[in-house]
Protein backbone atom coordinates (compact mmCIF):
# COMPACT_ATOMS: atom_id res chain seq x y z
CA MET A 1 34.03 100.38 20.58
CA LYS A 2 30.61 99.75 22.09
CA PHE A 3 28.76 96.71 20.72
CA LEU A 4 32.01 95.38 19.24
CA ASP A 5 34.69 95.23 21.93
CA GLU A 6 32.50 93.09 24.17
CA TYR A 7 32.43 90.40 21.46
CA ARG A 8 36.25 90.43 21.24
CA ASP A 9 37.08 90.16 24.93
CA ALA A 10 40.23 88.05 25.28
CA GLU A 11 39.50 86.81 28.80
CA ALA A 12 35.97 85.73 27.84
CA ALA A 13 37.43 83.90 24.83
CA ARG A 14 39.84 82.02 27.06
CA ARG A 15 37.00 81.03 29.38
CA TYR A 16 35.06 79.63 26.42
CA ALA A 17 38.14 77.70 25.28
CA GLU A 18 38.60 76.26 28.77
CA ALA A 19 34.94 75.25 28.93
CA ILE A 20 35.24 73.53 25.55
CA ARG A 21 38.29 71.59 26.72
CA GLY A 22 36.28 70.35 29.67
CA LEU A 23 33.30 69.47 27.51
CA VAL A 24 34.66 67.31 24.70
CA THR A 25 35.31 63.59 25.23
CA ARG A 26 36.08 62.57 21.64
CA HIS A 27 36.94 64.06 18.26
CA TRP A 28 34.37 66.24 16.51
CA SER A 29 34.51 68.09 13.17
CA LEU A 30 32.44 71.25 12.73
CA MET A 31 31.94 73.16 9.49
CA GLU A 32 31.26 76.89 9.28
CA VAL A 33 29.22 77.87 6.21
CA CYS A 34 30.15 81.53 5.91
CA GLY A 35 33.25 83.14 4.50
CA GLY A 36 32.99 85.96 7.03
CA GLN A 37 33.15 83.39 9.80
CA THR A 38 36.14 81.72 8.12
CA HIS A 39 38.04 85.01 8.03
CA ALA A 40 37.25 85.69 11.69
CA ILE A 41 38.38 82.18 12.67
CA VAL A 42 41.71 82.55 10.85
CA ARG A 43 42.28 86.20 11.75
CA PHE A 44 41.67 85.78 15.48
CA GLY A 45 43.07 82.27 15.80
CA ILE A 46 39.80 80.78 17.01
CA ASP A 47 40.77 77.33 15.73
CA GLU A 48 44.02 77.51 17.69
CA LEU A 49 42.19 78.16 20.94
CA LEU A 50 40.37 74.85 20.61
CA PRO A 51 41.55 71.49 21.94
CA PRO A 52 42.96 69.00 19.39
CA GLU A 53 39.73 66.99 19.60
CA VAL A 54 37.85 69.77 17.78
CA THR A 55 38.48 70.40 14.08
CA LEU A 56 36.98 73.32 12.18
CA ILE A 57 36.30 72.69 8.50
CA HIS A 58 35.84 75.61 6.11
CA GLY A 59 32.80 75.05 3.89
CA PRO A 60 31.36 76.64 0.72
CA GLY A 61 30.49 79.83 2.57
CA CYS A 62 31.61 82.36 -0.03
CA PRO A 63 29.05 83.07 -2.79
CA VAL A 64 31.68 84.85 -4.87
CA CYS A 65 33.90 81.76 -4.67
CA VAL A 66 31.19 79.31 -5.74
CA THR A 67 30.04 81.39 -8.74
CA PRO A 68 30.85 79.03 -11.61
CA VAL A 69 33.36 79.80 -14.33
CA ASP A 70 30.69 79.86 -17.03
CA LEU A 71 28.90 82.73 -15.26
CA ILE A 72 32.17 84.64 -14.91
CA ASP A 73 32.72 84.11 -18.63
CA LYS A 74 29.20 85.37 -19.32
CA ALA A 75 29.93 88.45 -17.21
CA VAL A 76 33.16 89.05 -19.13
CA ALA A 77 31.34 88.69 -22.46
CA LEU A 78 28.66 91.16 -21.39
CA ALA A 79 31.13 93.69 -20.01
CA ALA A 80 33.06 93.67 -23.30
CA ARG A 81 29.96 94.46 -25.38
CA PRO A 82 29.62 97.97 -26.81
CA GLY A 83 26.67 99.79 -25.32
CA VAL A 84 26.67 97.78 -22.08
CA ILE A 85 27.38 99.20 -18.64
CA PHE A 86 28.27 96.24 -16.43
CA CYS A 87 27.76 96.86 -12.71
CA SER A 88 29.06 94.70 -9.89
CA PHE A 89 30.28 94.67 -6.34
CA GLY A 90 34.04 95.15 -6.27
CA ASP A 91 34.98 91.67 -5.07
CA MET A 92 33.84 90.13 -8.39
CA LEU A 93 36.29 92.06 -10.57
CA ARG A 94 39.34 89.86 -9.88
CA VAL A 95 37.55 86.49 -9.93
CA PRO A 96 39.15 84.57 -12.81
CA GLY A 97 37.10 83.18 -15.64
CA SER A 98 38.44 80.62 -18.06
CA GLU A 99 40.58 83.23 -19.83
CA ARG A 100 40.28 86.63 -18.11
CA ASP A 101 38.44 88.58 -15.42
CA LEU A 102 36.25 91.68 -15.28
CA PHE A 103 39.16 93.84 -14.19
CA SER A 104 41.04 93.06 -17.40
CA VAL A 105 37.93 93.91 -19.44
CA LYS A 106 37.74 97.25 -17.65
CA ALA A 107 41.44 97.85 -18.32
CA GLN A 108 40.81 97.22 -22.02
CA GLY A 109 38.03 99.81 -22.20
CA GLY A 110 34.93 97.94 -21.09
CA ASP A 111 32.45 100.01 -19.09
CA VAL A 112 32.66 98.07 -15.81
CA ARG A 113 31.51 99.97 -12.73
CA VAL A 114 31.61 99.13 -9.04
CA VAL A 115 28.33 99.97 -7.31
CA TYR A 116 27.19 99.61 -3.72
CA SER A 117 23.71 98.24 -4.35
CA PRO A 118 21.55 96.98 -7.24
CA MET A 119 19.39 100.08 -6.80
CA ASP A 120 22.44 102.16 -7.81
CA ALA A 121 22.55 100.15 -11.04
CA LEU A 122 18.82 100.67 -11.57
CA SER A 123 19.22 104.42 -11.11
CA LEU A 124 22.07 104.35 -13.62
CA ALA A 125 19.80 102.59 -16.13
CA GLU A 126 17.14 105.29 -15.68
CA ARG A 127 19.77 107.97 -16.36
CA SER A 128 21.21 106.11 -19.37
CA PRO A 129 18.27 105.17 -21.62
CA GLY A 130 20.56 104.58 -24.60
CA ARG A 131 22.66 101.95 -22.80
CA GLU A 132 22.02 98.47 -21.44
CA VAL A 133 22.80 98.24 -17.72
CA VAL A 134 23.51 94.78 -16.28
CA PHE A 135 23.99 94.06 -12.58
CA PHE A 136 25.87 90.96 -11.45
CA ALA A 137 23.49 89.51 -8.84
CA VAL A 138 25.76 87.32 -6.71
CA GLY A 139 25.08 86.12 -3.19
CA PHE A 140 23.32 83.84 -0.77
CA GLU A 141 19.79 84.50 0.47
CA THR A 142 21.19 87.57 2.23
CA THR A 143 21.48 89.74 -0.89
CA ALA A 144 18.48 88.27 -2.71
CA PRO A 145 15.90 90.73 -1.29
CA ALA A 146 17.76 93.79 -2.59
CA ASN A 147 18.27 92.23 -6.02
CA ALA A 148 14.62 91.17 -6.15
CA THR A 149 13.54 94.69 -5.20
CA ALA A 150 15.64 96.20 -8.01
CA VAL A 151 14.00 93.95 -10.62
CA TYR A 152 10.55 94.52 -9.14
CA GLU A 153 11.08 98.29 -9.31
CA ALA A 154 12.47 98.10 -12.86
CA ARG A 155 9.31 96.36 -14.02
CA ARG A 156 7.06 98.71 -12.06
CA ARG A 157 8.81 101.82 -13.41
CA GLY A 158 9.08 100.47 -16.95
CA VAL A 159 12.90 100.55 -16.99
CA ARG A 160 13.53 98.08 -19.80
CA ASN A 161 17.28 98.60 -20.20
CA PHE A 162 18.06 97.01 -16.83
CA SER A 163 18.82 93.34 -16.32
CA LEU A 164 20.45 90.94 -13.86
CA LEU A 165 23.07 88.29 -14.44
CA VAL A 166 21.77 86.04 -11.68
CA ALA A 167 24.21 83.89 -9.69
CA HIS A 168 22.24 83.41 -6.47
CA VAL A 169 22.87 80.23 -4.48
CA LEU A 170 21.03 78.80 -1.47
CA VAL A 171 22.75 77.50 1.66
CA PRO A 172 20.59 74.54 2.89
CA PRO A 173 20.86 72.54 -0.38
CA ALA A 174 24.66 72.91 -0.30
CA MET A 175 24.71 71.66 3.29
CA GLU A 176 22.61 68.67 2.28
CA ALA A 177 24.94 67.94 -0.65
CA ILE A 178 27.87 67.87 1.78
CA LEU A 179 26.01 65.68 4.27
CA SER A 180 24.94 63.19 1.61
CA SER A 181 28.46 62.82 0.18
CA PRO A 182 30.30 59.56 0.97
CA SER A 183 33.35 61.66 1.90
CA CYS A 184 31.45 63.72 4.48
CA ARG A 185 33.23 64.06 7.82
CA VAL A 186 31.09 66.88 9.26
CA ASN A 187 29.52 66.25 12.67
CA GLY A 188 27.89 69.67 13.07
CA PHE A 189 27.41 73.03 11.36
CA LEU A 190 27.81 76.66 12.28
CA ALA A 191 25.16 78.19 10.02
CA ALA A 192 25.59 81.64 8.49
CA GLY A 193 23.95 84.16 10.80
CA HIS A 194 23.27 86.72 8.08
CA VAL A 195 21.42 84.15 5.94
CA CYS A 196 19.32 83.21 8.96
CA THR A 197 18.34 86.87 9.51
CA ILE A 198 16.49 86.57 6.20
CA MET A 199 15.30 82.97 6.17
CA GLY A 200 15.04 82.11 9.87
CA MET A 201 15.69 78.66 11.32
CA ASP A 202 12.88 76.53 9.89
CA GLU A 203 14.86 75.32 6.84
CA TYR A 204 17.52 73.77 9.07
CA ARG A 205 15.32 71.67 11.32
CA PRO A 206 14.60 68.93 8.72
CA LEU A 207 18.32 68.74 7.88
CA ALA A 208 19.31 68.39 11.53
CA GLU A 209 16.74 65.64 12.04
CA LYS A 210 17.41 63.76 8.79
CA TYR A 211 21.20 63.64 9.11
CA ARG A 212 21.44 63.74 12.91
CA VAL A 213 23.72 66.79 12.94
CA PRO A 214 23.46 69.90 15.14
CA ILE A 215 23.09 73.16 13.22
CA VAL A 216 23.73 76.38 15.16
CA ALA A 217 23.05 79.78 13.57
CA THR A 218 26.12 81.77 14.58
CA GLY A 219 27.36 85.36 14.36
CA PHE A 220 30.71 86.62 13.15
CA GLU A 221 32.68 87.95 16.10
CA PRO A 222 35.11 85.77 18.11
CA LEU A 223 32.77 85.29 21.07
CA ASP A 224 29.86 84.54 18.72
CA LEU A 225 31.91 81.80 17.13
CA LEU A 226 33.15 80.36 20.40
CA GLN A 227 29.63 80.31 21.83
CA GLY A 228 28.28 78.71 18.64
CA ILE A 229 31.02 76.08 18.77
CA THR A 230 30.22 75.40 22.43
CA MET A 231 26.50 75.00 21.68
CA CYS A 232 27.23 72.64 18.79
CA LEU A 233 29.65 70.53 20.82
CA LYS A 234 27.24 70.36 23.76
CA GLN A 235 24.60 68.89 21.47
CA LEU A 236 27.03 66.35 20.10
CA GLU A 237 28.22 65.26 23.53
CA GLU A 238 24.60 64.91 24.70
CA GLY A 239 23.52 63.00 21.60
CA ARG A 240 21.19 65.74 20.37
CA ALA A 241 20.77 67.04 16.80
CA GLU A 242 18.77 70.26 16.73
CA ALA A 243 18.70 73.62 14.98
CA GLU A 244 19.67 76.25 17.55
CA ASN A 245 20.16 80.00 17.41
CA GLN A 246 23.28 81.57 18.93
CA TYR A 247 22.77 84.84 17.00
CA GLU A 248 19.59 85.83 18.81
CA ARG A 249 20.37 89.54 18.69
CA ALA A 250 19.84 89.45 14.90
CA VAL A 251 18.03 86.22 13.97
CA ARG A 252 14.32 85.65 14.56
CA PRO A 253 13.02 82.06 14.41
CA THR A 254 10.93 82.76 11.29
CA GLY A 255 13.32 85.26 9.70
CA ASN A 256 12.31 88.41 7.83
CA ALA A 257 8.85 87.95 6.31
CA PRO A 258 8.88 91.00 3.95
CA ALA A 259 12.29 89.97 2.61
CA GLN A 260 11.05 86.43 2.01
CA ALA A 261 7.97 87.80 0.26
CA ILE A 262 9.90 89.88 -2.29
CA ILE A 263 12.25 86.95 -2.96
CA GLY A 264 9.24 84.71 -3.61
CA GLU A 265 7.62 87.32 -5.85
CA VAL A 266 10.60 87.78 -8.17
CA PHE A 267 12.64 84.57 -7.94
CA GLU A 268 12.01 80.85 -8.23
CA VAL A 269 14.19 77.98 -7.04
CA VAL A 270 16.33 76.46 -9.82
CA PRO A 271 19.28 74.04 -10.12
CA ARG A 272 22.63 75.81 -9.85
CA SER A 273 26.20 74.86 -10.65
CA TRP A 274 28.69 75.61 -7.85
CA ARG A 275 32.27 76.37 -8.80
CA GLY A 276 34.54 73.47 -7.95
CA ILE A 277 31.61 71.40 -6.66
CA GLY A 278 29.22 70.85 -9.56
CA SER A 279 25.48 71.04 -10.01
CA ILE A 280 23.25 70.92 -6.93
CA ALA A 281 19.51 70.49 -7.41
CA ALA A 282 17.23 73.29 -6.19
CA SER A 283 20.23 75.27 -4.92
CA GLY A 284 19.83 78.57 -6.76
CA LEU A 285 17.45 81.32 -7.67
CA GLY A 286 16.32 82.39 -11.13
CA LEU A 287 13.91 85.06 -12.30
CA ARG A 288 10.26 84.07 -12.57
CA ALA A 289 8.52 84.29 -15.95
CA PRO A 290 6.91 87.74 -15.36
CA TYR A 291 10.42 89.18 -14.87
CA ALA A 292 12.16 87.23 -17.63
CA GLU A 293 12.83 90.32 -19.74
CA HIS A 294 15.26 91.39 -17.02
CA ASP A 295 17.27 88.16 -17.28
CA ALA A 296 20.61 89.09 -18.91
CA VAL A 297 21.33 85.53 -20.10
CA ARG A 298 18.07 85.40 -22.04
CA ARG A 299 18.23 89.00 -23.20
CA PHE A 300 21.71 88.69 -24.68
CA GLY A 301 21.57 85.03 -25.76
CA LEU A 302 24.40 83.86 -23.54
CA GLU A 303 23.24 80.30 -22.90
CA GLY A 304 26.22 78.76 -24.73
CA VAL A 305 28.92 81.04 -23.30
CA GLY A 306 31.31 79.53 -20.77
CA GLY A 307 34.60 77.73 -20.27
CA LYS A 308 36.44 75.53 -17.78
CA GLU A 309 38.36 76.26 -14.60
CA ALA A 310 42.14 76.04 -14.47
CA ALA A 311 43.06 72.38 -14.01
CA GLU A 312 45.65 73.20 -11.34
CA CYS A 313 43.17 75.00 -9.09
CA GLN A 314 42.03 72.94 -6.11
CA SER A 315 39.52 75.45 -4.77
CA GLY A 316 36.74 72.90 -5.22
CA LEU A 317 38.35 70.72 -2.56
CA VAL A 318 38.76 73.79 -0.33
CA LEU A 319 35.10 74.71 -0.77
CA GLN A 320 34.01 71.17 0.12
CA GLY A 321 36.12 71.22 3.26
CA LEU A 322 38.37 68.42 1.98
CA LEU A 323 41.53 70.54 1.77
CA LYS A 324 42.95 73.40 3.85
CA PRO A 325 44.38 76.23 1.68
CA PRO A 326 48.02 75.80 2.79
CA ASP A 327 47.87 72.14 1.72
CA CYS A 328 47.38 73.13 -1.92
CA PRO A 329 50.73 72.93 -3.77
CA ALA A 330 50.04 76.20 -5.59
CA PHE A 331 49.08 78.18 -2.46
CA GLY A 332 51.21 81.31 -2.03
CA THR A 333 53.44 80.48 -4.99
CA ARG A 334 51.67 80.02 -8.31
CA CYS A 335 48.40 81.14 -6.72
CA THR A 336 48.39 84.54 -4.98
CA PRO A 337 45.97 87.49 -4.92
CA ASP A 338 47.97 89.01 -7.81
CA THR A 339 47.99 85.77 -9.82
CA PRO A 340 44.93 83.80 -8.64
CA LEU A 341 44.09 80.40 -10.00
CA GLY A 342 40.68 80.40 -8.34
CA ALA A 343 38.11 82.64 -6.71
CA THR A 344 38.93 81.55 -3.15
CA MET A 345 42.22 83.49 -3.38
CA VAL A 346 40.72 86.84 -4.40
CA SER A 347 37.29 87.02 -2.79
CA ALA A 348 37.03 89.02 0.43
CA GLU A 349 35.40 85.94 1.97
CA GLY A 350 37.55 83.24 0.37
CA ALA A 351 39.34 80.75 2.61
CA CYS A 352 42.55 80.91 0.57
CA ALA A 353 42.54 84.69 0.83
CA ALA A 354 42.13 84.44 4.61
CA TYR A 355 45.10 82.11 5.02
CA TYR A 356 47.22 84.16 2.62
CA ARG A 357 46.45 87.38 4.46
CA TYR A 358 46.77 86.19 8.04
CA ARG A 359 49.00 83.09 8.08
CA ARG A 360 51.22 82.78 5.05
CA PHE A 361 54.35 83.93 6.93
CA LYS A 362 53.78 81.72 9.96
CA GLU A 363 55.49 78.39 10.43
CA GLY A 364 53.94 75.76 12.65
CA PRO A 365 51.03 76.59 15.00
CA CYS A 366 49.84 80.17 14.73
CA PRO A 367 50.33 82.00 18.04
CA THR A 368 47.10 83.02 19.71
CA SER A 369 46.15 86.66 19.33
CA THR A 370 46.25 88.66 22.55
CA SER A 371 43.01 90.37 21.56
CA PRO A 372 40.48 87.89 20.10
C-alpha cells in the first residue's frame, strides 16, 4: 500500500537495527509517550530488534488510560440519569470505574451512544431539544481542537443542552513530572507525533535543556520509530540534548496555529489528576468562564462524585514506566480485556492491551516479525 508499505520495509528496519548496534557504547533508556507508538513497538517487535544496551520504556501515552477513576464515575453517573444522552468514543465504554463502566450502564438501559466526533454529539443535541447531551471529551492536545470547536459552535448557535465532561490532559507537564521524579530512569523521549502536529516543537525545547534529555517527535510506523530511536541515541552518544523532529512529513516547528487558537479561546490550563499517577500541576484543560455553562460537572453538580481504583491494579506503575505489563501478577489471569482491573487493559492504546494482544502466548524473547 503506497505511503504505508515503505514505512514497514523489513530490510530497511534491519539496517536501522544494525546502525543502532554500531552506535551505542553504553546503556540508554528511552520512553515513548504515545500509546499508538507502544502498540507498534510491541506488534512489530521493534524493541526486540534493538541491542541489549537500549531499553524502551512505555510511558503515560494513552489519554484513555490516564483518565482518573473519579471522572469515569462521573461519566457513569451522568449516563445513568434519565433525560441524558451520553456520547463517547467507543474505547471509553469498557474503562472500569470504581464500581462499573459505561458499557454496563448501557446494558441496564442508559442512553449511551458511540459517536465519531464531538460535532456528531452537538448535532444530536440540536435534534433533541428535550434531552441533555453530554460528550466525554478525552484526549491529549490532539483532540482538543475538535472538542473546543464543538463548544464554540454550541455557544454560537445557542445550543444550551450540550455539554462536555472534560478529561483533557497535556503531554509536556507529564514528561516533566516523570523527569523530576527521584525514580526517573529515562535518558531520552520519543514524543508523540500527533500531539506535535498541533502544538509544534517549542514546548519541548525548555524541557530538553532543563533536564538534559533529547526529545524527538516521532511517527507511528516501524521505520518512524527506528529512525526516532536512532536520532535520540545519536544525541545521547554525542552529549547533546535537543528537541528534534523525525516526523517532518506531518509536524511543523510551530504546529497548527488555527488549532492552537481555538484551544486557547475555549480552554484554559488547569491542574489534572492522572489515573495511577496522581495530580500534576498545569497538566489539563478546563473550559474558560465564557463557556462554563457547557461544563457537565458544573451543570449537573458532580463535584463530589468519584471513587477509588481497584487496589490490585498496578496500571499506575505501568503508566509511569516502572513496570512492564507481563510483570504484573494479575496480567492475563485476573486482569484480561473481559475482566479488566484497569484502563490499560481495555484501551486501544493501553500498554497492557498491547502485550495481551500480541505477546501473551509467547514464552521468552518474542521472535522478530518478518515484516516490520
